[in-house]
């Protein structure tokens, strides 16, 4: 019997997978503003906030609150732990797909 890999449940939820993929497309030190990420993913602010909180609790994303010209800005980036988790996730998914062929 083939042992199938486990997929990271934090990343595996569709919305969180989309967030992780979008953030993984940035360079490691780059950040994206919350509104830009929301627009890119076409998610409501509440839905995106909920999924970012779960990713932040797992230490996969870092959320920074700052001010730009006296206007509050929320910045999001994928942490090194998040990048490693996403890489492991994609490898496990590939192994799972390969097992089916």
PDB file of N, CA and C in Angstrom:
ATOM      1  N   UNK A   1       0.847  -1.189   0.000  1.00  0.00           N
ATOM      2  CA  UNK A   1       0.000   0.000   0.000  1.00  0.00           C
ATOM      3  C   UNK A   1       0.889   1.249   0.000  1.00  0.00           C
ATOM      4  N   UNK A   2       0.509   2.221  -0.808  1.00  0.00           N
ATOM      5  CA  UNK A   2       1.255   3.470  -0.917  1.00  0.00           C
ATOM      6  C   UNK A   2       0.858   4.396   0.221  1.00  0.00           C
ATOM      7  N   UNK A   3       1.860   4.972   0.881  1.00  0.00           N
ATOM      8  CA  UNK A   3       1.581   5.931   1.951  1.00  0.00           C
ATOM      9  C   UNK A   3       1.435   7.320   1.324  1.00  0.00           C
ATOM     10  N   UNK A   4       0.269   7.895   1.458  1.00  0.00           N
ATOM     11  CA  UNK A   4      -0.002   9.204   0.875  1.00  0.00           C
ATOM     12  C   UNK A   4       0.440  10.304   1.833  1.00  0.00           C
ATOM     13  N   UNK A   5       1.034  11.366   1.297  1.00  0.00           N
ATOM     14  CA  UNK A   5       1.494  12.458   2.157  1.00  0.00           C
ATOM     15  C   UNK A   5       0.335  13.276   2.711  1.00  0.00           C
ATOM     16  N   UNK A   6       0.557  13.859   3.874  1.00  0.00           N
ATOM     17  CA  UNK A   6      -0.413  14.769   4.473  1.00  0.00           C
ATOM     18  C   UNK A   6      -0.194  16.164   3.903  1.00  0.00           C
ATOM     19  N   UNK A   7      -1.275  16.861   3.642  1.00  0.00           N
ATOM     20  CA  UNK A   7      -1.183  18.239   3.172  1.00  0.00           C
ATOM     21  C   UNK A   7      -1.412  19.184   4.347  1.00  0.00           C
ATOM     22  N   UNK A   8      -0.608  20.208   4.442  1.00  0.00           N
ATOM     23  CA  UNK A   8      -0.686  21.188   5.517  1.00  0.00           C
ATOM     24  C   UNK A   8      -2.085  21.808   5.544  1.00  0.00           C
ATOM     25  N   UNK A   9      -2.862  21.565   6.604  1.00  0.00           N
ATOM     26  CA  UNK A   9      -4.235  22.084   6.649  1.00  0.00           C
ATOM     27  C   UNK A   9      -4.310  23.607   6.727  1.00  0.00           C
ATOM     28  N   UNK A  10      -3.256  24.246   7.195  1.00  0.00           N
ATOM     29  CA  UNK A  10      -3.261  25.712   7.260  1.00  0.00           C
ATOM     30  C   UNK A  10      -3.243  26.283   5.850  1.00  0.00           C
ATOM     31  N   UNK A  11      -2.445  25.705   4.980  1.00  0.00           N
ATOM     32  CA  UNK A  11      -2.333  26.187   3.604  1.00  0.00           C
ATOM     33  C   UNK A  11      -3.440  25.618   2.723  1.00  0.00           C
ATOM     34  N   UNK A  12      -3.877  24.405   2.999  1.00  0.00           N
ATOM     35  CA  UNK A  12      -4.737  23.667   2.078  1.00  0.00           C
ATOM     36  C   UNK A  12      -6.111  24.291   1.833  1.00  0.00           C
ATOM     37  N   UNK A  13      -6.637  25.041   2.768  1.00  0.00           N
ATOM     38  CA  UNK A  13      -7.938  25.699   2.543  1.00  0.00           C
ATOM     39  C   UNK A  13      -7.805  26.597   1.317  1.00  0.00           C
ATOM     40  N   UNK A  14      -8.787  26.553   0.437  1.00  0.00           N
ATOM     41  CA  UNK A  14      -8.681  27.236  -0.847  1.00  0.00           C
ATOM     42  C   UNK A  14      -8.259  28.701  -0.735  1.00  0.00           C
ATOM     43  N   UNK A  15      -8.900  29.454   0.121  1.00  0.00           N
ATOM     44  CA  UNK A  15      -8.579  30.881   0.239  1.00  0.00           C
ATOM     45  C   UNK A  15      -7.150  31.081   0.741  1.00  0.00           C
ATOM     46  N   UNK A  16      -6.722  30.288   1.729  1.00  0.00           N
ATOM     47  CA  UNK A  16      -5.366  30.436   2.248  1.00  0.00           C
ATOM     48  C   UNK A  16      -4.327  29.972   1.230  1.00  0.00           C
ATOM     49  N   UNK A  17      -4.675  28.992   0.424  1.00  0.00           N
ATOM     50  CA  UNK A  17      -3.771  28.561  -0.638  1.00  0.00           C
ATOM     51  C   UNK A  17      -3.584  29.696  -1.639  1.00  0.00           C
ATOM     52  N   UNK A  18      -4.665  30.362  -2.001  1.00  0.00           N
ATOM     53  CA  UNK A  18      -4.581  31.489  -2.930  1.00  0.00           C
ATOM     54  C   UNK A  18      -3.727  32.620  -2.343  1.00  0.00           C
ATOM     55  N   UNK A  19      -3.906  32.913  -1.067  1.00  0.00           N
ATOM     56  CA  UNK A  19      -3.107  33.949  -0.406  1.00  0.00           C
ATOM     57  C   UNK A  19      -1.631  33.552  -0.428  1.00  0.00           C
ATOM     58  N   UNK A  20      -1.350  32.318  -0.068  1.00  0.00           N
ATOM     59  CA  UNK A  20       0.033  31.839  -0.002  1.00  0.00           C
ATOM     60  C   UNK A  20       0.695  31.866  -1.373  1.00  0.00           C
ATOM     61  N   UNK A  21      -0.029  31.433  -2.395  1.00  0.00           N
ATOM     62  CA  UNK A  21       0.517  31.459  -3.759  1.00  0.00           C
ATOM     63  C   UNK A  21       0.834  32.899  -4.172  1.00  0.00           C
ATOM     64  N   UNK A  22      -0.074  33.818  -3.891  1.00  0.00           N
ATOM     65  CA  UNK A  22       0.151  35.226  -4.252  1.00  0.00           C
ATOM     66  C   UNK A  22       1.379  35.775  -3.545  1.00  0.00           C
ATOM     67  N   UNK A  23       1.521  35.480  -2.260  1.00  0.00           N
ATOM     68  CA  UNK A  23       2.656  35.998  -1.498  1.00  0.00           C
ATOM     69  C   UNK A  23       3.964  35.312  -1.892  1.00  0.00           C
ATOM     70  N   UNK A  24       3.896  34.034  -2.242  1.00  0.00           N
ATOM     71  CA  UNK A  24       5.100  33.306  -2.657  1.00  0.00           C
ATOM     72  C   UNK A  24       5.640  33.845  -3.974  1.00  0.00           C
ATOM     73  N   UNK A  25       4.787  34.508  -4.740  1.00  0.00           N
ATOM     74  CA  UNK A  25       5.222  35.108  -5.994  1.00  0.00           C
ATOM     75  C   UNK A  25       6.066  36.364  -5.806  1.00  0.00           C
ATOM     76  N   UNK A  26       6.075  36.898  -4.597  1.00  0.00           N
ATOM     77  CA  UNK A  26       6.898  38.065  -4.287  1.00  0.00           C
ATOM     78  C   UNK A  26       8.298  37.615  -3.894  1.00  0.00           C
ATOM     79  N   UNK A  27       9.255  38.514  -4.002  1.00  0.00           N
ATOM     80  CA  UNK A  27      10.600  38.201  -3.503  1.00  0.00           C
ATOM     81  C   UNK A  27      10.524  38.086  -1.984  1.00  0.00           C
ATOM     82  N   UNK A  28      11.420  37.309  -1.380  1.00  0.00           N
ATOM     83  CA  UNK A  28      11.338  37.052   0.071  1.00  0.00           C
ATOM     84  C   UNK A  28      11.206  38.295   0.959  1.00  0.00           C
ATOM     85  N   UNK A  29      11.852  39.378   0.629  1.00  0.00           N
ATOM     86  CA  UNK A  29      11.796  40.567   1.486  1.00  0.00           C
ATOM     87  C   UNK A  29      10.647  41.503   1.121  1.00  0.00           C
ATOM     88  N   UNK A  30       9.968  41.241   0.013  1.00  0.00           N
ATOM     89  CA  UNK A  30       8.908  42.137  -0.445  1.00  0.00           C
ATOM     90  C   UNK A  30       7.620  41.960   0.357  1.00  0.00           C
ATOM     91  N   UNK A  31       6.867  43.062   0.415  1.00  0.00           N
ATOM     92  CA  UNK A  31       5.575  43.089   1.087  1.00  0.00           C
ATOM     93  C   UNK A  31       4.540  43.624   0.109  1.00  0.00           C
ATOM     94  N   UNK A  32       3.285  43.346   0.398  1.00  0.00           N
ATOM     95  CA  UNK A  32       2.188  43.855  -0.415  1.00  0.00           C
ATOM     96  C   UNK A  32       1.190  44.500   0.535  1.00  0.00           C
ATOM     97  N   UNK A  33       0.550  45.554   0.086  1.00  0.00           N
ATOM     98  CA  UNK A  33      -0.443  46.195   0.941  1.00  0.00           C
ATOM     99  C   UNK A  33      -1.698  45.333   0.990  1.00  0.00           C
ATOM    100  N   UNK A  34      -2.394  45.427   2.100  1.00  0.00           N
ATOM    101  CA  UNK A  34      -3.629  44.674   2.279  1.00  0.00           C
ATOM    102  C   UNK A  34      -4.629  44.963   1.158  1.00  0.00           C
ATOM    103  N   UNK A  35      -4.874  46.255   0.808  1.00  0.00           N
ATOM    104  CA  UNK A  35      -5.850  46.511  -0.264  1.00  0.00           C
ATOM    105  C   UNK A  35      -5.425  45.920  -1.614  1.00  0.00           C
ATOM    106  N   UNK A  36      -4.129  45.952  -1.900  1.00  0.00           N
ATOM    107  CA  UNK A  36      -3.650  45.389  -3.169  1.00  0.00           C
ATOM    108  C   UNK A  36      -3.845  43.877  -3.182  1.00  0.00           C
ATOM    109  N   UNK A  37      -3.543  43.214  -2.080  1.00  0.00           N
ATOM    110  CA  UNK A  37      -3.742  41.764  -1.978  1.00  0.00           C
ATOM    111  C   UNK A  37      -5.226  41.436  -2.085  1.00  0.00           C
ATOM    112  N   UNK A  38      -6.053  42.215  -1.428  1.00  0.00           N
ATOM    113  CA  UNK A  38      -7.508  42.024  -1.485  1.00  0.00           C
ATOM    114  C   UNK A  38      -8.001  42.152  -2.922  1.00  0.00           C
ATOM    115  N   UNK A  39      -7.513  43.152  -3.626  1.00  0.00           N
ATOM    116  CA  UNK A  39      -7.904  43.373  -5.021  1.00  0.00           C
ATOM    117  C   UNK A  39      -7.413  42.224  -5.909  1.00  0.00           C
ATOM    118  N   UNK A  40      -6.177  41.824  -5.719  1.00  0.00           N
ATOM    119  CA  UNK A  40      -5.582  40.750  -6.509  1.00  0.00           C
ATOM    120  C   UNK A  40      -6.361  39.446  -6.363  1.00  0.00           C
ATOM    121  N   UNK A  41      -6.776  39.143  -5.140  1.00  0.00           N
ATOM    122  CA  UNK A  41      -7.466  37.884  -4.857  1.00  0.00           C
ATOM    123  C   UNK A  41      -8.988  37.990  -4.968  1.00  0.00           C
ATOM    124  N   UNK A  42      -9.489  39.211  -5.144  1.00  0.00           N
ATOM    125  CA  UNK A  42     -10.931  39.452  -5.223  1.00  0.00           C
ATOM    126  C   UNK A  42     -11.663  38.856  -4.016  1.00  0.00           C
ATOM    127  N   UNK A  43     -11.163  39.202  -2.837  1.00  0.00           N
ATOM    128  CA  UNK A  43     -11.756  38.737  -1.581  1.00  0.00           C
ATOM    129  C   UNK A  43     -12.280  39.945  -0.806  1.00  0.00           C
ATOM    130  N   UNK A  44     -13.268  39.698   0.041  1.00  0.00           N
ATOM    131  CA  UNK A  44     -13.730  40.773   0.917  1.00  0.00           C
ATOM    132  C   UNK A  44     -12.669  41.019   1.978  1.00  0.00           C
ATOM    133  N   UNK A  45     -12.687  42.203   2.552  1.00  0.00           N
ATOM    134  CA  UNK A  45     -11.717  42.546   3.591  1.00  0.00           C
ATOM    135  C   UNK A  45     -11.841  41.598   4.782  1.00  0.00           C
ATOM    136  N   UNK A  46     -13.072  41.287   5.175  1.00  0.00           N
ATOM    137  CA  UNK A  46     -13.287  40.391   6.320  1.00  0.00           C
ATOM    138  C   UNK A  46     -12.784  38.983   6.063  1.00  0.00           C
ATOM    139  N   UNK A  47     -13.060  38.459   4.882  1.00  0.00           N
ATOM    140  CA  UNK A  47     -12.625  37.117   4.529  1.00  0.00           C
ATOM    141  C   UNK A  47     -11.095  37.046   4.480  1.00  0.00           C
ATOM    142  N   UNK A  48     -10.478  38.034   3.830  1.00  0.00           N
ATOM    143  CA  UNK A  48      -9.024  38.055   3.750  1.00  0.00           C
ATOM    144  C   UNK A  48      -8.410  38.178   5.139  1.00  0.00           C
ATOM    145  N   UNK A  49      -8.970  39.032   5.967  1.00  0.00           N
ATOM    146  CA  UNK A  49      -8.456  39.203   7.338  1.00  0.00           C
ATOM    147  C   UNK A  49      -8.503  37.902   8.118  1.00  0.00           C
ATOM    148  N   UNK A  50      -9.599  37.176   7.999  1.00  0.00           N
ATOM    149  CA  UNK A  50      -9.752  35.897   8.709  1.00  0.00           C
ATOM    150  C   UNK A  50      -8.683  34.905   8.284  1.00  0.00           C
ATOM    151  N   UNK A  51      -8.447  34.800   6.990  1.00  0.00           N
ATOM    152  CA  UNK A  51      -7.454  33.837   6.500  1.00  0.00           C
ATOM    153  C   UNK A  51      -6.029  34.290   6.803  1.00  0.00           C
ATOM    154  N   UNK A  52      -5.785  35.582   6.748  1.00  0.00           N
ATOM    155  CA  UNK A  52      -4.460  36.079   7.114  1.00  0.00           C
ATOM    156  C   UNK A  52      -4.172  35.817   8.593  1.00  0.00           C
ATOM    157  N   UNK A  53      -5.193  35.930   9.432  1.00  0.00           N
ATOM    158  CA  UNK A  53      -5.007  35.678  10.863  1.00  0.00           C
ATOM    159  C   UNK A  53      -4.569  34.231  11.098  1.00  0.00           C
ATOM    160  N   UNK A  54      -5.184  33.286  10.388  1.00  0.00           N
ATOM    161  CA  UNK A  54      -4.804  31.876  10.528  1.00  0.00           C
ATOM    162  C   UNK A  54      -3.374  31.653  10.045  1.00  0.00           C
ATOM    163  N   UNK A  55      -3.013  32.294   8.951  1.00  0.00           N
ATOM    164  CA  UNK A  55      -1.639  32.172   8.445  1.00  0.00           C
ATOM    165  C   UNK A  55      -0.650  32.851   9.386  1.00  0.00           C
ATOM    166  N   UNK A  56      -1.061  33.948   9.979  1.00  0.00           N
ATOM    167  CA  UNK A  56      -0.200  34.649  10.938  1.00  0.00           C
ATOM    168  C   UNK A  56      -0.030  33.822  12.210  1.00  0.00           C
ATOM    169  N   UNK A  57      -1.102  33.194  12.687  1.00  0.00           N
ATOM    170  CA  UNK A  57      -1.020  32.341  13.880  1.00  0.00           C
ATOM    171  C   UNK A  57      -0.040  31.185  13.668  1.00  0.00           C
ATOM    172  N   UNK A  58       0.056  30.699  12.429  1.00  0.00           N
ATOM    173  CA  UNK A  58       0.988  29.620  12.095  1.00  0.00           C
ATOM    174  C   UNK A  58       2.388  30.160  11.795  1.00  0.00           C
ATOM    175  N   UNK A  59       2.544  31.483  11.882  1.00  0.00           N
ATOM    176  CA  UNK A  59       3.805  32.172  11.594  1.00  0.00           C
ATOM    177  C   UNK A  59       4.226  32.025  10.129  1.00  0.00           C
ATOM    178  N   UNK A  60       3.231  31.896   9.245  1.00  0.00           N
ATOM    179  CA  UNK A  60       3.495  31.794   7.811  1.00  0.00           C
ATOM    180  C   UNK A  60       3.509  33.169   7.155  1.00  0.00           C
ATOM    181  N   UNK A  61       2.810  34.128   7.735  1.00  0.00           N
ATOM    182  CA  UNK A  61       2.828  35.491   7.221  1.00  0.00           C
ATOM    183  C   UNK A  61       3.151  36.454   8.358  1.00  0.00           C
ATOM    184  N   UNK A  62       3.675  37.590   7.951  1.00  0.00           N
ATOM    185  CA  UNK A  62       3.947  38.674   8.888  1.00  0.00           C
ATOM    186  C   UNK A  62       3.133  39.872   8.438  1.00  0.00           C
ATOM    187  N   UNK A  63       2.412  40.455   9.362  1.00  0.00           N
ATOM    188  CA  UNK A  63       1.589  41.623   9.070  1.00  0.00           C
ATOM    189  C   UNK A  63       2.165  42.805   9.828  1.00  0.00           C
ATOM    190  N   UNK A  64       2.447  43.866   9.090  1.00  0.00           N
ATOM    191  CA  UNK A  64       3.049  45.058   9.674  1.00  0.00           C
ATOM    192  C   UNK A  64       2.097  46.233   9.481  1.00  0.00           C
ATOM    193  N   UNK A  65       1.854  46.944  10.553  1.00  0.00           N
ATOM    194  CA  UNK A  65       1.028  48.158  10.488  1.00  0.00           C
ATOM    195  C   UNK A  65       1.998  49.338  10.508  1.00  0.00           C
ATOM    196  N   UNK A  66       1.823  50.246   9.556  1.00  0.00           N
ATOM    197  CA  UNK A  66       2.707  51.405   9.446  1.00  0.00           C
ATOM    198  C   UNK A  66       1.881  52.618   9.035  1.00  0.00           C
ATOM    199  N   UNK A  67       2.559  53.728   8.906  1.00  0.00           N
ATOM    200  CA  UNK A  67       1.926  54.952   8.435  1.00  0.00           C
ATOM    201  C   UNK A  67       2.699  55.461   7.236  1.00  0.00           C
ATOM    202  N   UNK A  68       1.957  55.867   6.223  1.00  0.00           N
ATOM    203  CA  UNK A  68       2.533  56.477   5.044  1.00  0.00           C
ATOM    204  C   UNK A  68       1.831  57.808   4.851  1.00  0.00           C
ATOM    205  N   UNK A  69       2.556  58.904   5.045  1.00  0.00           N
ATOM    206  CA  UNK A  69       1.970  60.243   4.953  1.00  0.00           C
ATOM    207  C   UNK A  69       0.740  60.366   5.865  1.00  0.00           C
ATOM    208  N   UNK A  70       0.895  59.901   7.094  1.00  0.00           N
ATOM    209  CA  UNK A  70      -0.152  59.964   8.123  1.00  0.00           C
ATOM    210  C   UNK A  70      -1.361  59.077   7.839  1.00  0.00           C
ATOM    211  N   UNK A  71      -1.230  58.211   6.857  1.00  0.00           N
ATOM    212  CA  UNK A  71      -2.312  57.278   6.525  1.00  0.00           C
ATOM    213  C   UNK A  71      -1.888  55.878   6.961  1.00  0.00           C
ATOM    214  N   UNK A  72      -2.730  55.172   7.720  1.00  0.00           N
ATOM    215  CA  UNK A  72      -2.354  53.823   8.134  1.00  0.00           C
ATOM    216  C   UNK A  72      -2.278  52.872   6.931  1.00  0.00           C
ATOM    217  N   UNK A  73      -1.254  52.027   6.953  1.00  0.00           N
ATOM    218  CA  UNK A  73      -1.034  51.048   5.887  1.00  0.00           C
ATOM    219  C   UNK A  73      -0.762  49.696   6.536  1.00  0.00           C
ATOM    220  N   UNK A  74      -1.406  48.656   6.020  1.00  0.00           N
ATOM    221  CA  UNK A  74      -1.157  47.296   6.481  1.00  0.00           C
ATOM    222  C   UNK A  74      -0.391  46.571   5.390  1.00  0.00           C
ATOM    223  N   UNK A  75       0.777  46.050   5.759  1.00  0.00           N
ATOM    224  CA  UNK A  75       1.645  45.348   4.825  1.00  0.00           C
ATOM    225  C   UNK A  75       1.708  43.867   5.183  1.00  0.00           C
ATOM    226  N   UNK A  76       1.737  43.025   4.167  1.00  0.00           N
ATOM    227  CA  UNK A  76       1.737  41.576   4.363  1.00  0.00           C
ATOM    228  C   UNK A  76       2.908  40.978   3.605  1.00  0.00           C
ATOM    229  N   UNK A  77       3.586  40.024   4.230  1.00  0.00           N
ATOM    230  CA  UNK A  77       4.641  39.290   3.540  1.00  0.00           C
ATOM    231  C   UNK A  77       4.663  37.855   4.035  1.00  0.00           C
ATOM    232  N   UNK A  78       5.173  36.972   3.193  1.00  0.00           N
ATOM    233  CA  UNK A  78       5.335  35.570   3.550  1.00  0.00           C
ATOM    234  C   UNK A  78       6.647  35.440   4.315  1.00  0.00           C
ATOM    235  N   UNK A  79       6.624  34.786   5.459  1.00  0.00           N
ATOM    236  CA  UNK A  79       7.841  34.599   6.248  1.00  0.00           C
ATOM    237  C   UNK A  79       8.665  33.455   5.662  1.00  0.00           C
ATOM    238  N   UNK A  80       9.886  33.303   6.156  1.00  0.00           N
ATOM    239  CA  UNK A  80      10.717  32.179   5.696  1.00  0.00           C
ATOM    240  C   UNK A  80      10.065  30.851   6.099  1.00  0.00           C
ATOM    241  N   UNK A  81       9.424  30.824   7.261  1.00  0.00           N
ATOM    242  CA  UNK A  81       8.704  29.622   7.682  1.00  0.00           C
ATOM    243  C   UNK A  81       7.535  29.352   6.731  1.00  0.00           C
ATOM    244  N   UNK A  82       6.862  30.397   6.304  1.00  0.00           N
ATOM    245  CA  UNK A  82       5.755  30.264   5.364  1.00  0.00           C
ATOM    246  C   UNK A  82       6.228  29.776   4.005  1.00  0.00           C
ATOM    247  N   UNK A  83       7.364  30.287   3.550  1.00  0.00           N
ATOM    248  CA  UNK A  83       7.931  29.825   2.272  1.00  0.00           C
ATOM    249  C   UNK A  83       8.306  28.353   2.349  1.00  0.00           C
ATOM    250  N   UNK A  84       8.913  27.959   3.449  1.00  0.00           N
ATOM    251  CA  UNK A  84       9.301  26.557   3.622  1.00  0.00           C
ATOM    252  C   UNK A  84       8.060  25.666   3.680  1.00  0.00           C
ATOM    253  N   UNK A  85       7.026  26.126   4.374  1.00  0.00           N
ATOM    254  CA  UNK A  85       5.781  25.351   4.469  1.00  0.00           C
ATOM    255  C   UNK A  85       5.126  25.225   3.099  1.00  0.00           C
ATOM    256  N   UNK A  86       5.151  26.304   2.316  1.00  0.00           N
ATOM    257  CA  UNK A  86       4.564  26.264   0.975  1.00  0.00           C
ATOM    258  C   UNK A  86       5.356  25.327   0.069  1.00  0.00           C
ATOM    259  N   UNK A  87       6.663  25.353   0.186  1.00  0.00           N
ATOM    260  CA  UNK A  87       7.496  24.441  -0.609  1.00  0.00           C
ATOM    261  C   UNK A  87       7.197  22.985  -0.228  1.00  0.00           C
ATOM    262  N   UNK A  88       7.094  22.703   1.057  1.00  0.00           N
ATOM    263  CA  UNK A  88       6.749  21.353   1.514  1.00  0.00           C
ATOM    264  C   UNK A  88       5.361  20.956   1.031  1.00  0.00           C
ATOM    265  N   UNK A  89       4.430  21.901   1.069  1.00  0.00           N
ATOM    266  CA  UNK A  89       3.063  21.652   0.611  1.00  0.00           C
ATOM    267  C   UNK A  89       3.056  21.267  -0.864  1.00  0.00           C
ATOM    268  N   UNK A  90       3.764  22.039  -1.683  1.00  0.00           N
ATOM    269  CA  UNK A  90       3.762  21.758  -3.119  1.00  0.00           C
ATOM    270  C   UNK A  90       4.435  20.416  -3.423  1.00  0.00           C
ATOM    271  N   UNK A  91       5.477  20.080  -2.682  1.00  0.00           N
ATOM    272  CA  UNK A  91       6.133  18.778  -2.874  1.00  0.00           C
ATOM    273  C   UNK A  91       5.195  17.638  -2.470  1.00  0.00           C
ATOM    274  N   UNK A  92       4.493  17.807  -1.351  1.00  0.00           N
ATOM    275  CA  UNK A  92       3.557  16.774  -0.896  1.00  0.00           C
ATOM    276  C   UNK A  92       2.412  16.624  -1.893  1.00  0.00           C
ATOM    277  N   UNK A  93       1.927  17.734  -2.417  1.00  0.00           N
ATOM    278  CA  UNK A  93       0.857  17.691  -3.408  1.00  0.00           C
ATOM    279  C   UNK A  93       1.331  16.966  -4.668  1.00  0.00           C
ATOM    280  N   UNK A  94       2.550  17.235  -5.084  1.00  0.00           N
ATOM    281  CA  UNK A  94       3.092  16.557  -6.267  1.00  0.00           C
ATOM    282  C   UNK A  94       3.219  15.060  -6.024  1.00  0.00           C
ATOM    283  N   UNK A  95       3.672  14.675  -4.830  1.00  0.00           N
ATOM    284  CA  UNK A  95       3.771  13.242  -4.497  1.00  0.00           C
ATOM    285  C   UNK A  95       2.392  12.599  -4.500  1.00  0.00           C
ATOM    286  N   UNK A  96       1.410  13.306  -3.995  1.00  0.00           N
ATOM    287  CA  UNK A  96       0.035  12.812  -3.970  1.00  0.00           C
ATOM    288  C   UNK A  96      -0.491  12.624  -5.398  1.00  0.00           C
ATOM    289  N   UNK A  97      -0.225  13.585  -6.253  1.00  0.00           N
ATOM    290  CA  UNK A  97      -0.658  13.491  -7.651  1.00  0.00           C
ATOM    291  C   UNK A  97       0.077  12.354  -8.376  1.00  0.00           C
ATOM    292  N   UNK A  98       1.356  12.216  -8.114  1.00  0.00           N
ATOM    293  CA  UNK A  98       2.148  11.153  -8.734  1.00  0.00           C
ATOM    294  C   UNK A  98       1.683   9.774  -8.300  1.00  0.00           C
ATOM    295  N   UNK A  99       1.203   9.664  -7.070  1.00  0.00           N
ATOM    296  CA  UNK A  99       0.740   8.377  -6.540  1.00  0.00           C
ATOM    297  C   UNK A  99      -0.525   7.917  -7.258  1.00  0.00           C
ATOM    298  N   UNK A 100      -1.265   8.859  -7.816  1.00  0.00           N
ATOM    299  CA  UNK A 100      -2.503   8.528  -8.505  1.00  0.00           C
ATOM    300  C   UNK A 100      -2.310   8.078  -9.944  1.00  0.00           C
ATOM    301  N   UNK A 101      -1.073   8.166 -10.425  1.00  0.00           N
ATOM    302  CA  UNK A 101      -0.835   7.763 -11.818  1.00  0.00           C
ATOM    303  C   UNK A 101      -0.115   6.449 -11.932  1.00  0.00           C
TER     304      UNK A 101
END
